[in-house]
Protein backbone atom coordinates (compact mmCIF):
# COMPACT_ATOMS: atom_id res chain seq x y z
CA MET A 1 -43.23 -13.36 -12.46
CA SER A 2 -44.03 -9.64 -12.73
CA PHE A 3 -46.66 -7.34 -14.18
CA ASP A 4 -46.44 -4.43 -16.61
CA PRO A 5 -46.93 -1.28 -14.52
CA ASN A 6 -47.95 0.60 -17.68
CA ALA A 7 -50.66 -1.84 -18.78
CA ILE A 8 -53.34 0.60 -17.59
CA HIS A 9 -53.31 4.20 -16.42
CA GLY A 10 -55.61 6.96 -15.28
CA VAL A 11 -59.17 6.41 -14.12
CA GLY A 12 -61.31 3.33 -14.51
CA LEU A 13 -64.96 2.34 -14.03
CA GLY A 14 -66.57 -0.97 -13.14
CA LEU A 15 -68.68 -1.84 -16.16
CA ARG A 16 -72.23 -2.86 -15.25
CA ARG A 17 -75.05 -4.05 -17.50
CA ASP A 18 -77.17 -1.12 -16.31
CA PHE A 19 -75.17 1.16 -18.59
CA PHE A 20 -73.35 -1.33 -20.84
CA TYR A 21 -75.11 -0.25 -24.03
CA GLU A 22 -74.82 3.42 -23.19
CA VAL A 23 -71.06 2.98 -23.08
CA LEU A 24 -71.05 0.83 -26.22
CA GLU A 25 -73.09 3.28 -28.26
CA ALA A 26 -71.26 6.42 -27.14
CA PRO A 27 -68.53 7.67 -29.54
CA SER A 28 -66.23 7.86 -26.51
CA ILE A 29 -66.37 7.86 -22.73
CA ASP A 30 -63.92 9.75 -20.57
CA VAL A 31 -62.74 6.54 -18.89
CA ASP A 32 -59.26 5.12 -19.32
CA PHE A 33 -60.09 1.49 -18.56
CA PHE A 34 -63.02 -0.71 -17.52
CA GLU A 35 -63.30 -3.62 -15.07
CA VAL A 36 -65.61 -6.62 -15.26
CA ALA A 37 -66.17 -9.72 -13.13
CA PRO A 38 -65.17 -12.55 -15.50
CA GLU A 39 -67.76 -14.91 -14.00
CA ASN A 40 -70.48 -12.73 -15.53
CA TRP A 41 -69.04 -12.86 -19.05
CA LEU A 42 -66.97 -16.02 -19.37
CA ASN A 43 -69.40 -18.23 -21.25
CA LEU A 44 -71.59 -15.51 -22.70
CA GLY A 45 -72.06 -15.86 -26.44
CA GLY A 46 -74.48 -14.33 -28.93
CA LYS A 47 -75.02 -10.61 -29.26
CA MET A 48 -73.88 -9.73 -25.72
CA GLY A 49 -70.64 -11.64 -26.17
CA ARG A 50 -69.98 -9.95 -29.51
CA ASP A 51 -70.74 -6.56 -28.01
CA LEU A 52 -68.30 -7.15 -25.18
CA GLN A 53 -65.68 -7.95 -27.80
CA ARG A 54 -66.42 -4.64 -29.48
CA LEU A 55 -65.80 -2.81 -26.20
CA THR A 56 -62.61 -4.69 -25.28
CA GLU A 57 -61.24 -3.75 -28.70
CA ARG A 58 -61.87 -0.06 -27.95
CA TYR A 59 -60.82 0.22 -24.30
CA PRO A 60 -58.32 -1.48 -21.97
CA PHE A 61 -60.05 -3.97 -19.66
CA VAL A 62 -59.14 -5.59 -16.35
CA CYS A 63 -60.93 -8.47 -14.61
CA HIS A 64 -61.78 -8.63 -10.91
CA GLY A 65 -62.92 -12.10 -9.90
CA LEU A 66 -65.42 -13.20 -7.27
CA SER A 67 -65.16 -16.97 -7.05
CA LEU A 68 -61.59 -18.29 -7.28
CA ASP A 69 -61.79 -19.06 -3.54
CA LEU A 70 -58.10 -18.52 -2.82
CA GLY A 71 -58.51 -19.23 0.87
CA GLY A 72 -60.96 -22.10 0.55
CA ILE A 73 -60.49 -25.74 1.57
CA SER A 74 -61.60 -27.23 -1.76
CA PRO A 75 -58.95 -27.90 -4.43
CA LEU A 76 -58.25 -24.93 -6.65
CA ASN A 77 -60.59 -25.02 -9.66
CA GLU A 78 -58.02 -25.46 -12.39
CA ASP A 79 -60.60 -26.03 -15.14
CA TYR A 80 -61.99 -22.59 -14.33
CA LEU A 81 -58.50 -21.08 -14.47
CA TYR A 82 -57.91 -22.48 -17.96
CA GLN A 83 -61.26 -20.99 -19.04
CA LEU A 84 -60.15 -17.65 -17.60
CA LYS A 85 -56.86 -17.90 -19.50
CA THR A 86 -58.69 -18.27 -22.81
CA PHE A 87 -61.03 -15.38 -21.94
CA PHE A 88 -58.10 -13.12 -21.01
CA GLN A 89 -56.36 -13.85 -24.29
CA GLN A 90 -59.55 -13.30 -26.30
CA HIS A 91 -60.18 -9.87 -24.74
CA ASP A 92 -56.60 -8.69 -24.09
CA ILE A 93 -57.28 -8.42 -20.35
CA ARG A 94 -54.52 -6.32 -18.84
CA TYR A 95 -54.78 -7.42 -15.18
CA TYR A 96 -56.61 -10.12 -13.26
CA THR A 97 -57.30 -9.63 -9.55
CA GLU A 98 -59.12 -11.63 -6.91
CA HIS A 99 -60.18 -11.19 -3.31
CA LEU A 100 -57.92 -12.31 -0.49
CA SER A 101 -60.74 -14.37 0.98
CA TYR A 102 -62.59 -17.64 0.78
CA CYS A 103 -66.07 -18.01 -0.70
CA GLY A 104 -66.65 -21.77 -0.81
CA ASP A 105 -67.47 -24.55 1.62
CA SER A 106 -69.62 -27.43 0.42
CA GLY A 107 -70.76 -24.97 -2.24
CA GLN A 108 -70.57 -21.32 -3.18
CA LEU A 109 -71.14 -19.10 -0.12
CA TYR A 110 -71.97 -15.98 -2.17
CA ASP A 111 -69.97 -13.90 0.26
CA LEU A 112 -66.32 -13.04 0.75
CA MET A 113 -65.14 -14.44 4.07
CA PRO A 114 -61.88 -13.39 5.77
CA ILE A 115 -59.00 -15.81 5.96
CA PRO A 116 -57.49 -16.33 9.44
CA PHE A 117 -54.47 -14.09 9.84
CA THR A 118 -51.94 -16.85 10.62
CA GLU A 119 -48.58 -17.90 9.26
CA GLU A 120 -50.06 -21.25 8.24
CA ALA A 121 -52.72 -19.45 6.18
CA VAL A 122 -50.04 -17.30 4.52
CA HIS A 123 -48.26 -20.40 3.19
CA TYR A 124 -51.53 -22.07 2.17
CA VAL A 125 -52.91 -19.10 0.24
CA ALA A 126 -49.58 -18.19 -1.30
CA ASP A 127 -49.22 -21.72 -2.70
CA ARG A 128 -52.69 -21.46 -4.28
CA ILE A 129 -51.89 -18.05 -5.77
CA LYS A 130 -48.61 -19.35 -7.21
CA ARG A 131 -50.44 -22.30 -8.79
CA ALA A 132 -53.02 -19.95 -10.30
CA GLN A 133 -50.27 -17.72 -11.67
CA ASP A 134 -48.47 -20.73 -13.18
CA ILE A 135 -51.62 -21.80 -15.01
CA LEU A 136 -52.54 -18.29 -16.16
CA GLU A 137 -48.92 -17.43 -16.97
CA ARG A 138 -49.38 -14.00 -15.46
CA THR A 139 -49.11 -12.20 -12.16
CA ILE A 140 -52.46 -11.84 -10.42
CA GLY A 141 -53.39 -9.24 -7.84
CA ILE A 142 -55.08 -9.85 -4.51
CA GLU A 143 -57.46 -7.35 -2.91
CA ASN A 144 -57.63 -6.48 0.79
CA ILE A 145 -61.27 -7.21 1.65
CA SER A 146 -63.69 -5.64 4.09
CA PHE A 147 -64.74 -7.94 6.96
CA TYR A 148 -66.82 -7.68 10.12
CA ALA A 149 -65.45 -10.40 12.41
CA MET A 150 -61.76 -10.87 13.03
CA PRO A 151 -61.04 -14.54 12.17
CA CYS A 152 -57.76 -14.72 14.09
CA ASN A 153 -55.30 -12.10 15.23
CA GLU A 154 -52.09 -14.11 15.36
CA MET A 155 -50.96 -11.55 12.77
CA THR A 156 -52.28 -8.11 11.98
CA GLU A 157 -54.21 -7.68 8.75
CA GLN A 158 -51.48 -5.53 7.24
CA ASP A 159 -48.78 -8.05 8.10
CA PHE A 160 -50.91 -10.84 6.64
CA VAL A 161 -51.47 -9.01 3.36
CA ASN A 162 -47.80 -8.13 3.06
CA ALA A 163 -46.71 -11.67 3.84
CA VAL A 164 -49.01 -13.19 1.20
CA VAL A 165 -47.88 -10.73 -1.47
CA SER A 166 -44.22 -11.35 -0.62
CA GLU A 167 -44.41 -15.15 -0.54
CA ALA A 168 -46.66 -15.53 -3.59
CA LYS A 169 -44.79 -12.84 -5.56
CA CYS A 170 -48.17 -11.55 -6.65
CA GLY A 171 -49.64 -8.09 -7.11
CA LEU A 172 -51.96 -6.08 -4.90
CA LEU A 173 -55.27 -4.42 -5.70
CA PHE A 174 -55.43 -1.88 -2.89
CA ASP A 175 -59.01 -1.02 -1.94
CA VAL A 176 -59.08 2.41 -0.35
CA ASN A 177 -62.68 2.16 0.87
CA ASN A 178 -62.16 -1.29 2.41
CA THR A 179 -59.20 0.09 4.31
CA TYR A 180 -61.26 2.94 5.73
CA VAL A 181 -64.21 0.68 6.59
CA ASN A 182 -62.01 -1.87 8.36
CA SER A 183 -60.14 0.87 10.24
CA ILE A 184 -63.40 2.05 11.80
CA ASN A 185 -64.88 -1.40 12.42
CA HIS A 186 -61.69 -2.82 13.90
CA ASP A 187 -60.25 0.32 15.46
CA TYR A 188 -56.96 0.75 13.63
CA ASP A 189 -55.31 3.62 11.77
CA ALA A 190 -56.21 3.64 8.05
CA VAL A 191 -53.22 5.78 7.11
CA ASP A 192 -50.82 3.47 8.94
CA PHE A 193 -52.32 0.47 7.16
CA MET A 194 -52.07 2.20 3.78
CA GLN A 195 -48.48 3.25 4.38
CA SER A 196 -47.50 -0.34 5.14
CA MET A 197 -48.66 -1.68 1.77
CA PRO A 198 -45.95 -2.65 -0.77
CA THR A 199 -45.79 0.17 -3.31
CA ASP A 200 -44.20 -1.82 -6.13
CA ALA A 201 -46.84 -4.56 -5.89
CA ILE A 202 -49.84 -2.22 -6.28
CA MET A 203 -51.52 -2.80 -9.65
CA TYR A 204 -54.35 -0.30 -9.18
CA LEU A 205 -56.73 1.09 -6.57
CA HIS A 206 -60.44 0.66 -5.87
CA MET A 207 -62.76 3.43 -4.73
CA ALA A 208 -66.31 2.74 -3.58
CA GLY A 209 -69.04 3.90 -1.25
CA HIS A 210 -70.14 2.49 2.09
CA PHE A 211 -73.10 2.80 4.45
CA ASP A 212 -72.77 4.47 7.85
CA GLU A 213 -74.66 2.01 10.06
CA ALA A 214 -73.28 3.65 13.20
CA GLU A 215 -70.37 5.82 14.25
CA ASP A 216 -68.30 2.70 14.86
CA LEU A 217 -69.83 0.44 12.18
CA LYS A 218 -69.43 0.97 8.43
CA VAL A 219 -70.85 -1.45 5.86
CA ASP A 220 -69.07 -1.87 2.54
CA THR A 221 -72.11 -1.76 0.24
CA HIS A 222 -70.73 -0.39 -3.06
CA GLY A 223 -74.16 1.19 -3.20
CA GLU A 224 -73.44 4.72 -1.95
CA ASP A 225 -71.47 7.72 -3.12
CA VAL A 226 -67.83 7.77 -2.00
CA LYS A 227 -67.51 9.44 1.41
CA GLN A 228 -65.20 12.40 2.01
CA GLU A 229 -63.03 10.41 4.41
CA VAL A 230 -62.30 7.94 1.60
CA TRP A 231 -61.51 10.76 -0.82
CA ASP A 232 -59.06 12.09 1.75
CA LEU A 233 -57.46 8.65 2.10
CA LEU A 234 -57.08 8.45 -1.68
CA ASP A 235 -55.09 11.72 -1.67
CA GLN A 236 -52.89 10.34 1.10
CA THR A 237 -52.44 7.06 -0.80
CA TYR A 238 -51.12 8.91 -3.85
CA SER A 239 -48.76 10.95 -1.67
CA VAL A 240 -47.26 7.75 -0.21
CA HIS A 241 -47.34 5.30 -3.12
CA GLY A 242 -47.32 7.60 -6.13
CA LEU A 243 -49.99 7.95 -8.79
CA LYS A 244 -51.69 4.59 -9.34
CA PRO A 245 -54.51 3.74 -11.75
CA THR A 246 -57.76 4.08 -9.78
CA LEU A 247 -61.18 2.56 -10.47
CA LEU A 248 -64.66 3.45 -9.23
CA GLU A 249 -66.88 0.52 -8.20
CA ARG A 250 -70.68 0.77 -7.94
CA ASP A 251 -72.68 -2.43 -7.63
CA PHE A 252 -76.02 -1.40 -6.11
CA ASN A 253 -78.31 1.63 -6.32
CA ILE A 254 -76.57 2.36 -9.59
CA PRO A 255 -77.32 5.92 -10.72
CA PRO A 256 -77.43 7.13 -14.32
CA LEU A 257 -74.06 7.04 -16.05
CA PRO A 258 -73.65 10.85 -16.03
CA ASP A 259 -73.91 10.77 -12.21
CA LEU A 260 -71.26 8.03 -12.01
CA MET A 261 -69.03 10.10 -14.26
CA VAL A 262 -69.09 12.88 -11.67
CA GLU A 263 -67.21 10.58 -9.28
CA VAL A 264 -64.94 9.38 -12.08
CA GLU A 265 -64.06 13.02 -12.64
CA GLN A 266 -63.37 13.45 -8.91
CA ILE A 267 -60.79 10.69 -9.13
CA ARG A 268 -59.25 12.40 -12.15
CA GLN A 269 -59.11 15.67 -10.24
CA ALA A 270 -57.35 13.94 -7.34
CA GLN A 271 -54.76 12.61 -9.79
CA GLN A 272 -54.31 16.06 -11.31
CA ARG A 273 -53.81 17.57 -7.85
CA TYR A 274 -51.13 14.99 -7.20
CA LEU A 275 -49.35 15.72 -10.48
CA ALA A 276 -49.51 19.45 -9.86
CA GLN A 277 -47.83 18.94 -6.49
CA PHE A 278 -45.33 16.17 -7.24
CA GLY A 279 -45.05 15.90 -11.01
CA ALA A 280 -44.30 12.76 -13.00
CA LYS A 281 -41.22 11.96 -10.90
CA LYS A 282 -43.45 10.25 -8.31
CA TYR A 283 -45.72 8.52 -10.82
CA GLY A 284 -46.34 5.13 -9.29
């Protein structure tokens, strides 16, 4: 199973209801693709459902899930996967990604918990990803998450991510901000981690802001502007992996859309700098 590397391109934005109708009513927005959490839209009918359909007919869309619980102990929710499959077909969803985490116990935890970095967990999670891909009949991408307590260090995080991607034959949503945050909180080299990621598996990149709790503690809030260190890591990511589609996430303290578009434009400028230096020959 593989994914179309040309399904999306350029710069994306996480679509939030705060500015949904501003996007819908604008003749055009300088965004190449949008991302939504399917849980928020799956069973939405009426006017809002019809309006989403209007947008997905105008722009490419990807979905980034929150609740598939790939690392959880409960059986994979196959009914939910079949609902997703219908939704993806209805809206021509280009990619579907999920967090490499667990979020369920006896119920929904409403947080993304890290999976122990063990060989046993690699096999367990990879089997669940493969089952999800079989049902959806598409390659899904997994995202490297931010975390604050190391669950187990039998393997390094980078070896764990690579092993899951390799065994599941899935894609990767590489989160640049999560990589920087984890590198500070767990004292490793962000560039080394980034360089170790599998280039051909990368579907697209995430950019987001974090909160500086302390010099050695960063909190992945998605509620701040992107920090300069993360912009720098984005440039380095392009130089190693080639030009990948890149999306801005903002989930809290959401500013007016024109302010968000300033950061969207910063991503575009980073891509243009890359092209000016390397040209299309290294387009990822």
